[in-house]
Amino acid sequence: MSIKVLTVSDLRIVLLGKNESENNRVGNTVLETTAFHREDASYSQQHNEKISAELQERHITVINTHLLHPHFPQHQITQAVKECVSLSDPGPHVFVLVLQYNDFSENDRQRVKNVLNLFSEQAMKHTIVLTTDEEKHSSTPTSITINNLIKECGRRHLQFDTGNPKWHSELFRRTEEILKEEHKEFLICNMYEDGGDGTSVDEDPCRSGGSVRGDDKEKEDSDLKESTKTERDGGGLF
């Protein structure tokens, strides 16, 4: 008996990457239009950009973020994540990490993990690593670091290829595989749901796909809150 393949007709993609021009290039290729073109060193006015298009009988929404840019102000990260969650409501289907083998350090890897954790404990399970340059030598420090991150993301990796007309289809297929594996319609990030002005990453960590927490999760939640608080107060992101 064949298993029905999940097809997502309304797909929400969050782009994360250090290099804004590469983020723009990937976002434009996904949407098949020149939608993202702004390159500005000041991110105080616009943390995220959201563009939608109809493609392959799907409604595709791309949220292009600046969260991993080295000059993004640390004190604005929580607010920017909150805005991204709102833009991807009711929740993102996939995070696409736009990375380059020629520019990725261990500090970058930790920053990626910390930022993803602000969205949800389960965010890495909904992440695809997309490299936009060729890997020269697998033994170089940057290659090892990226390859370790790929393993942590369930070995989900794509090479960006504008010359392959099936590239979109592969990205969408991989996303649908994630949702099928996780038994989720999308990733729920409920730490920022309306419920009080004091909501923060210290108070209500995310969960995934509508699962309900029980009393047996209280200790795990407490540990996560303390870890996240340390990251915010102690420079864990940068």
C-alpha atoms as a PDB file:
ATOM      1  CA  MET A   1       0.000   0.000   0.000  1.00  0.00           C
ATOM      2  CA  SER A   2       1.485   3.333  -1.036  1.00  0.00           C
ATOM      3  CA  ILE A   3       1.847   6.164   1.462  1.00  0.00           C
ATOM      4  CA  LYS A   4       0.212   9.422   0.500  1.00  0.00           C
ATOM      5  CA  VAL A   5       2.744  12.223   0.056  1.00  0.00           C
ATOM      6  CA  LEU A   6       1.911  15.400   1.945  1.00  0.00           C
ATOM      7  CA  THR A   7       1.545  18.389  -0.368  1.00  0.00           C
ATOM      8  CA  VAL A   8       1.693  21.885   1.099  1.00  0.00           C
ATOM      9  CA  SER A   9      -0.207  24.422  -0.995  1.00  0.00           C
ATOM     10  CA  ASP A  10       0.563  27.388   1.279  1.00  0.00           C
ATOM     11  CA  LEU A  11       4.283  27.184   2.051  1.00  0.00           C
ATOM     12  CA  ARG A  12       6.073  29.525   4.496  1.00  0.00           C
ATOM     13  CA  ILE A  13       9.884  29.622   4.275  1.00  0.00           C
ATOM     14  CA  VAL A  14      12.207  31.518   6.647  1.00  0.00           C
ATOM     15  CA  LEU A  15      15.647  32.390   5.251  1.00  0.00           C
ATOM     16  CA  LEU A  16      18.554  32.698   7.686  1.00  0.00           C
ATOM     17  CA  GLY A  17      22.067  33.613   6.596  1.00  0.00           C
ATOM     18  CA  LYS A  18      25.084  35.840   7.259  1.00  0.00           C
ATOM     19  CA  ASN A  19      25.415  37.193   3.730  1.00  0.00           C
ATOM     20  CA  GLU A  20      22.513  39.449   2.795  1.00  0.00           C
ATOM     21  CA  SER A  21      23.206  39.400  -0.938  1.00  0.00           C
ATOM     22  CA  GLU A  22      23.184  35.587  -0.914  1.00  0.00           C
ATOM     23  CA  ASN A  23      19.955  35.582   1.095  1.00  0.00           C
ATOM     24  CA  ASN A  24      18.436  37.915  -1.492  1.00  0.00           C
ATOM     25  CA  ARG A  25      19.655  35.724  -4.351  1.00  0.00           C
ATOM     26  CA  VAL A  26      18.127  32.595  -2.847  1.00  0.00           C
ATOM     27  CA  GLY A  27      14.854  34.343  -2.015  1.00  0.00           C
ATOM     28  CA  ASN A  28      14.570  35.771  -5.529  1.00  0.00           C
ATOM     29  CA  THR A  29      15.274  32.367  -7.067  1.00  0.00           C
ATOM     30  CA  VAL A  30      12.662  30.652  -4.902  1.00  0.00           C
ATOM     31  CA  LEU A  31      10.040  33.242  -5.881  1.00  0.00           C
ATOM     32  CA  GLU A  32      11.245  33.514  -9.498  1.00  0.00           C
ATOM     33  CA  THR A  33      11.223  37.298  -9.291  1.00  0.00           C
ATOM     34  CA  THR A  34      13.438  40.167  -8.145  1.00  0.00           C
ATOM     35  CA  ALA A  35      11.682  40.645  -4.846  1.00  0.00           C
ATOM     36  CA  PHE A  36      14.595  41.148  -2.462  1.00  0.00           C
ATOM     37  CA  HIS A  37      17.179  43.747  -3.382  1.00  0.00           C
ATOM     38  CA  ARG A  38      17.715  45.952  -0.342  1.00  0.00           C
ATOM     39  CA  GLU A  39      21.227  45.840   1.141  1.00  0.00           C
ATOM     40  CA  ASP A  40      21.502  48.200   4.065  1.00  0.00           C
ATOM     41  CA  ALA A  41      23.925  48.046   6.994  1.00  0.00           C
ATOM     42  CA  SER A  42      21.223  49.500   9.295  1.00  0.00           C
ATOM     43  CA  TYR A  43      18.610  46.958  10.385  1.00  0.00           C
ATOM     44  CA  SER A  44      16.844  49.097  12.989  1.00  0.00           C
ATOM     45  CA  GLN A  45      13.896  49.924  10.727  1.00  0.00           C
ATOM     46  CA  GLN A  46      13.231  46.538   9.114  1.00  0.00           C
ATOM     47  CA  HIS A  47      14.278  43.276  10.736  1.00  0.00           C
ATOM     48  CA  ASN A  48      12.554  40.974   8.261  1.00  0.00           C
ATOM     49  CA  GLU A  49      11.150  41.186   4.748  1.00  0.00           C
ATOM     50  CA  LYS A  50       8.136  39.127   3.666  1.00  0.00           C
ATOM     51  CA  ILE A  51       7.304  38.489   0.001  1.00  0.00           C
ATOM     52  CA  SER A  52       4.729  36.062  -1.428  1.00  0.00           C
ATOM     53  CA  ALA A  53       4.118  34.638  -4.897  1.00  0.00           C
ATOM     54  CA  GLU A  54       2.123  31.947  -6.683  1.00  0.00           C
ATOM     55  CA  LEU A  55       4.434  29.198  -7.915  1.00  0.00           C
ATOM     56  CA  GLN A  56       3.882  25.608  -9.021  1.00  0.00           C
ATOM     57  CA  GLU A  57       0.244  25.785  -7.890  1.00  0.00           C
ATOM     58  CA  ARG A  58       1.379  26.875  -4.443  1.00  0.00           C
ATOM     59  CA  HIS A  59       1.229  30.099  -2.471  1.00  0.00           C
ATOM     60  CA  ILE A  60       4.874  30.608  -1.459  1.00  0.00           C
ATOM     61  CA  THR A  61       5.839  33.065   1.273  1.00  0.00           C
ATOM     62  CA  VAL A  62       9.500  33.845   1.930  1.00  0.00           C
ATOM     63  CA  ILE A  63      10.522  35.713   5.086  1.00  0.00           C
ATOM     64  CA  ASN A  64      14.042  37.034   4.578  1.00  0.00           C
ATOM     65  CA  THR A  65      15.712  37.745   7.923  1.00  0.00           C
ATOM     66  CA  HIS A  66      18.880  39.568   8.995  1.00  0.00           C
ATOM     67  CA  LEU A  67      19.243  37.637  12.253  1.00  0.00           C
ATOM     68  CA  LEU A  68      22.587  35.996  11.421  1.00  0.00           C
ATOM     69  CA  HIS A  69      24.223  39.062   9.902  1.00  0.00           C
ATOM     70  CA  PRO A  70      27.377  39.838  11.939  1.00  0.00           C
ATOM     71  CA  HIS A  71      26.330  43.481  12.412  1.00  0.00           C
ATOM     72  CA  PHE A  72      22.778  42.787  13.513  1.00  0.00           C
ATOM     73  CA  PRO A  73      22.348  44.409  16.967  1.00  0.00           C
ATOM     74  CA  GLN A  74      22.260  41.755  19.664  1.00  0.00           C
ATOM     75  CA  HIS A  75      19.687  43.611  21.731  1.00  0.00           C
ATOM     76  CA  GLN A  76      17.219  43.512  18.814  1.00  0.00           C
ATOM     77  CA  ILE A  77      17.368  39.761  18.196  1.00  0.00           C
ATOM     78  CA  THR A  78      14.452  38.800  20.451  1.00  0.00           C
ATOM     79  CA  GLN A  79      12.210  41.488  18.930  1.00  0.00           C
ATOM     80  CA  ALA A  80      13.235  40.447  15.417  1.00  0.00           C
ATOM     81  CA  VAL A  81      12.421  36.795  16.148  1.00  0.00           C
ATOM     82  CA  LYS A  82       9.048  37.884  17.532  1.00  0.00           C
ATOM     83  CA  GLU A  83       8.344  39.818  14.328  1.00  0.00           C
ATOM     84  CA  CYS A  84       9.388  36.862  12.177  1.00  0.00           C
ATOM     85  CA  VAL A  85       7.040  34.565  14.099  1.00  0.00           C
ATOM     86  CA  SER A  86       4.215  37.020  13.474  1.00  0.00           C
ATOM     87  CA  LEU A  87       5.024  37.266   9.765  1.00  0.00           C
ATOM     88  CA  SER A  88       5.022  33.465   9.425  1.00  0.00           C
ATOM     89  CA  ASP A  89       1.751  33.011  11.334  1.00  0.00           C
ATOM     90  CA  PRO A  90       0.420  30.421  12.073  1.00  0.00           C
ATOM     91  CA  GLY A  91       3.950  29.032  11.849  1.00  0.00           C
ATOM     92  CA  PRO A  92       6.855  28.466   9.442  1.00  0.00           C
ATOM     93  CA  HIS A  93       7.124  25.215   7.549  1.00  0.00           C
ATOM     94  CA  VAL A  94      10.889  25.309   7.119  1.00  0.00           C
ATOM     95  CA  PHE A  95      14.009  27.297   7.971  1.00  0.00           C
ATOM     96  CA  VAL A  96      16.537  27.504   5.149  1.00  0.00           C
ATOM     97  CA  LEU A  97      20.074  28.242   6.365  1.00  0.00           C
ATOM     98  CA  VAL A  98      21.896  30.052   3.548  1.00  0.00           C
ATOM     99  CA  LEU A  99      25.579  29.295   4.210  1.00  0.00           C
ATOM    100  CA  GLN A 100      28.929  29.595   2.439  1.00  0.00           C
ATOM    101  CA  TYR A 101      31.835  27.186   2.848  1.00  0.00           C
ATOM    102  CA  ASN A 102      34.267  30.077   2.497  1.00  0.00           C
ATOM    103  CA  ASP A 103      32.835  31.992   5.468  1.00  0.00           C
ATOM    104  CA  PHE A 104      31.468  29.992   8.386  1.00  0.00           C
ATOM    105  CA  SER A 105      33.029  29.558  11.804  1.00  0.00           C
ATOM    106  CA  GLU A 106      32.276  27.603  14.955  1.00  0.00           C
ATOM    107  CA  ASN A 107      30.952  30.835  16.487  1.00  0.00           C
ATOM    108  CA  ASP A 108      28.583  31.129  13.519  1.00  0.00           C
ATOM    109  CA  ARG A 109      27.381  27.573  14.138  1.00  0.00           C
ATOM    110  CA  GLN A 110      26.608  28.356  17.764  1.00  0.00           C
ATOM    111  CA  ARG A 111      24.832  31.568  16.726  1.00  0.00           C
ATOM    112  CA  VAL A 112      22.670  29.599  14.287  1.00  0.00           C
ATOM    113  CA  LYS A 113      21.676  27.116  16.992  1.00  0.00           C
ATOM    114  CA  ASN A 114      20.923  29.855  19.512  1.00  0.00           C
ATOM    115  CA  VAL A 115      18.769  31.845  17.094  1.00  0.00           C
ATOM    116  CA  LEU A 116      16.852  28.742  16.013  1.00  0.00           C
ATOM    117  CA  ASN A 117      16.279  27.870  19.661  1.00  0.00           C
ATOM    118  CA  LEU A 118      14.588  31.255  20.149  1.00  0.00           C
ATOM    119  CA  PHE A 119      11.969  30.153  17.624  1.00  0.00           C
ATOM    120  CA  SER A 120      11.429  26.668  19.046  1.00  0.00           C
ATOM    121  CA  GLU A 121      13.145  23.716  20.661  1.00  0.00           C
ATOM    122  CA  GLN A 122      12.156  21.793  17.542  1.00  0.00           C
ATOM    123  CA  ALA A 123      13.388  24.352  14.979  1.00  0.00           C
ATOM    124  CA  MET A 124      16.459  22.370  13.904  1.00  0.00           C
ATOM    125  CA  LYS A 125      14.166  19.486  12.929  1.00  0.00           C
ATOM    126  CA  HIS A 126      12.523  21.901  10.477  1.00  0.00           C
ATOM    127  CA  THR A 127      15.800  23.188   9.010  1.00  0.00           C
ATOM    128  CA  ILE A 128      17.525  22.631   5.662  1.00  0.00           C
ATOM    129  CA  VAL A 129      21.124  23.757   5.139  1.00  0.00           C
ATOM    130  CA  LEU A 130      21.554  25.399   1.737  1.00  0.00           C
ATOM    131  CA  THR A 131      25.129  26.080   0.596  1.00  0.00           C
ATOM    132  CA  THR A 132      25.621  28.623  -2.181  1.00  0.00           C
ATOM    133  CA  ASP A 133      29.293  27.994  -2.952  1.00  0.00           C
ATOM    134  CA  GLU A 134      31.272  24.859  -3.710  1.00  0.00           C
ATOM    135  CA  GLU A 135      33.030  22.906  -1.005  1.00  0.00           C
ATOM    136  CA  LYS A 136      36.725  23.001  -1.928  1.00  0.00           C
ATOM    137  CA  HIS A 137      38.132  20.622   0.663  1.00  0.00           C
ATOM    138  CA  SER A 138      36.071  18.643   3.151  1.00  0.00           C
ATOM    139  CA  SER A 139      38.887  18.783   5.710  1.00  0.00           C
ATOM    140  CA  THR A 140      38.994  22.581   6.071  1.00  0.00           C
ATOM    141  CA  PRO A 141      37.685  24.043   9.366  1.00  0.00           C
ATOM    142  CA  THR A 142      34.745  25.794   7.678  1.00  0.00           C
ATOM    143  CA  SER A 143      33.731  22.647   5.789  1.00  0.00           C
ATOM    144  CA  ILE A 144      33.931  20.550   8.952  1.00  0.00           C
ATOM    145  CA  THR A 145      31.830  23.111  10.838  1.00  0.00           C
ATOM    146  CA  ILE A 146      29.130  23.264   8.160  1.00  0.00           C
ATOM    147  CA  ASN A 147      29.104  19.492   7.774  1.00  0.00           C
ATOM    148  CA  ASN A 148      28.660  19.109  11.541  1.00  0.00           C
ATOM    149  CA  LEU A 149      25.718  21.506  11.396  1.00  0.00           C
ATOM    150  CA  ILE A 150      24.214  19.537   8.507  1.00  0.00           C
ATOM    151  CA  LYS A 151      24.379  16.392  10.663  1.00  0.00           C
ATOM    152  CA  GLU A 152      22.628  18.244  13.499  1.00  0.00           C
ATOM    153  CA  CYS A 153      19.880  19.222  11.056  1.00  0.00           C
ATOM    154  CA  GLY A 154      19.167  15.592  10.196  1.00  0.00           C
ATOM    155  CA  ARG A 155      21.598  15.607   7.234  1.00  0.00           C
ATOM    156  CA  ARG A 156      19.221  17.841   5.289  1.00  0.00           C
ATOM    157  CA  HIS A 157      21.426  19.666   2.793  1.00  0.00           C
ATOM    158  CA  LEU A 158      20.910  21.201  -0.636  1.00  0.00           C
ATOM    159  CA  GLN A 159      23.418  22.795  -2.985  1.00  0.00           C
ATOM    160  CA  PHE A 160      22.043  26.005  -4.480  1.00  0.00           C
ATOM    161  CA  ASP A 161      21.774  25.496  -8.231  1.00  0.00           C
ATOM    162  CA  THR A 162      20.129  28.194 -10.339  1.00  0.00           C
ATOM    163  CA  GLY A 163      20.793  26.161 -13.482  1.00  0.00           C
ATOM    164  CA  ASN A 164      18.641  23.256 -12.340  1.00  0.00           C
ATOM    165  CA  PRO A 165      14.982  23.818 -13.276  1.00  0.00           C
ATOM    166  CA  LYS A 166      13.948  21.199 -10.713  1.00  0.00           C
ATOM    167  CA  TRP A 167      15.662  23.012  -7.844  1.00  0.00           C
ATOM    168  CA  HIS A 168      12.402  24.494  -6.517  1.00  0.00           C
ATOM    169  CA  SER A 169      10.690  21.143  -6.598  1.00  0.00           C
ATOM    170  CA  GLU A 170      13.488  19.544  -4.578  1.00  0.00           C
ATOM    171  CA  LEU A 171      13.308  22.271  -1.910  1.00  0.00           C
ATOM    172  CA  PHE A 172       9.537  21.854  -1.655  1.00  0.00           C
ATOM    173  CA  ARG A 173       9.852  18.064  -1.570  1.00  0.00           C
ATOM    174  CA  ARG A 174      12.403  18.184   1.231  1.00  0.00           C
ATOM    175  CA  THR A 175      10.133  20.501   3.206  1.00  0.00           C
ATOM    176  CA  GLU A 176       7.197  18.134   2.810  1.00  0.00           C
ATOM    177  CA  GLU A 177       9.424  15.258   3.935  1.00  0.00           C
ATOM    178  CA  ILE A 178      10.209  17.153   7.139  1.00  0.00           C
ATOM    179  CA  LEU A 179       6.522  17.744   7.883  1.00  0.00           C
ATOM    180  CA  LYS A 180       5.753  14.092   7.218  1.00  0.00           C
ATOM    181  CA  GLU A 181       8.584  12.895   9.470  1.00  0.00           C
ATOM    182  CA  GLU A 182       7.612  15.261  12.284  1.00  0.00           C
ATOM    183  CA  HIS A 183       3.871  14.626  11.837  1.00  0.00           C
ATOM    184  CA  LYS A 184       3.291  18.379  11.817  1.00  0.00           C
ATOM    185  CA  GLU A 185       1.400  20.752   9.560  1.00  0.00           C
ATOM    186  CA  PHE A 186       3.936  23.452  10.439  1.00  0.00           C
ATOM    187  CA  LEU A 187       6.218  24.506  13.309  1.00  0.00           C
ATOM    188  CA  ILE A 188       4.387  26.257  16.132  1.00  0.00           C
ATOM    189  CA  CYS A 189       6.334  28.981  17.971  1.00  0.00           C
ATOM    190  CA  ASN A 190       3.972  29.981  20.752  1.00  0.00           C
ATOM    191  CA  MET A 191       6.355  31.842  23.040  1.00  0.00           C
ATOM    192  CA  TYR A 192       5.204  35.057  21.404  1.00  0.00           C
ATOM    193  CA  GLU A 193       1.456  34.470  21.311  1.00  0.00           C
ATOM    194  CA  ASP A 194      -0.567  37.358  22.723  1.00  0.00           C
ATOM    195  CA  GLY A 195      -1.090  36.797  26.392  1.00  0.00           C
ATOM    196  CA  GLY A 196       0.608  39.628  28.178  1.00  0.00           C
ATOM    197  CA  ASP A 197       3.083  42.424  27.633  1.00  0.00           C
ATOM    198  CA  GLY A 198       5.795  40.614  29.552  1.00  0.00           C
ATOM    199  CA  THR A 199       6.129  37.618  27.260  1.00  0.00           C
ATOM    200  CA  SER A 200       9.770  36.809  26.532  1.00  0.00           C
ATOM    201  CA  VAL A 201      12.036  33.920  25.713  1.00  0.00           C
ATOM    202  CA  ASP A 202      12.671  33.517  29.437  1.00  0.00           C
ATOM    203  CA  GLU A 203       9.003  32.984  30.242  1.00  0.00           C
ATOM    204  CA  ASP A 204       7.434  30.658  27.672  1.00  0.00           C
ATOM    205  CA  PRO A 205       9.625  28.522  25.425  1.00  0.00           C
ATOM    206  CA  CYS A 206       8.295  27.257  22.073  1.00  0.00           C
ATOM    207  CA  ARG A 207       6.802  23.895  21.307  1.00  0.00           C
ATOM    208  CA  SER A 208       6.316  22.137  17.999  1.00  0.00           C
ATOM    209  CA  GLY A 209       3.270  21.153  16.009  1.00  0.00           C
ATOM    210  CA  GLY A 210       0.555  21.559  18.633  1.00  0.00           C
ATOM    211  CA  SER A 211       1.800  19.017  21.199  1.00  0.00           C
ATOM    212  CA  VAL A 212       0.693  19.797  24.765  1.00  0.00           C
ATOM    213  CA  ARG A 213       3.253  19.990  27.537  1.00  0.00           C
ATOM    214  CA  GLY A 214       2.625  18.016  30.725  1.00  0.00           C
ATOM    215  CA  ASP A 215       3.974  18.231  34.259  1.00  0.00           C
ATOM    216  CA  ASP A 216       6.793  15.881  33.340  1.00  0.00           C
ATOM    217  CA  LYS A 217       8.197  18.625  31.074  1.00  0.00           C
ATOM    218  CA  GLU A 218       8.500  21.287  33.783  1.00  0.00           C
ATOM    219  CA  LYS A 219      12.102  20.517  34.665  1.00  0.00           C
ATOM    220  CA  GLU A 220      13.141  20.491  30.984  1.00  0.00           C
ATOM    221  CA  ASP A 221      11.370  23.815  30.477  1.00  0.00           C
ATOM    222  CA  SER A 222      13.139  25.292  33.494  1.00  0.00           C
ATOM    223  CA  ASP A 223      16.537  24.205  32.164  1.00  0.00           C
ATOM    224  CA  LEU A 224      15.791  25.697  28.758  1.00  0.00           C
ATOM    225  CA  LYS A 225      14.669  29.004  30.270  1.00  0.00           C
ATOM    226  CA  GLU A 226      17.868  29.292  32.286  1.00  0.00           C
ATOM    227  CA  SER A 227      20.002  28.418  29.247  1.00  0.00           C
ATOM    228  CA  THR A 228      18.235  30.972  27.048  1.00  0.00           C
ATOM    229  CA  LYS A 229      18.541  33.645  29.738  1.00  0.00           C
ATOM    230  CA  THR A 230      22.281  33.016  29.901  1.00  0.00           C
ATOM    231  CA  GLU A 231      22.535  33.451  26.136  1.00  0.00           C
ATOM    232  CA  ARG A 232      20.771  36.822  26.287  1.00  0.00           C
ATOM    233  CA  ASP A 233      22.625  38.187  29.290  1.00  0.00           C
ATOM    234  CA  GLY A 234      26.027  36.695  28.627  1.00  0.00           C
ATOM    235  CA  GLY A 235      26.668  37.230  24.959  1.00  0.00           C
ATOM    236  CA  GLY A 236      25.803  33.711  23.876  1.00  0.00           C
ATOM    237  CA  LEU A 237      24.660  34.875  20.432  1.00  0.00           C
ATOM    238  CA  PHE A 238      27.684  36.918  19.440  1.00  0.00           C
END
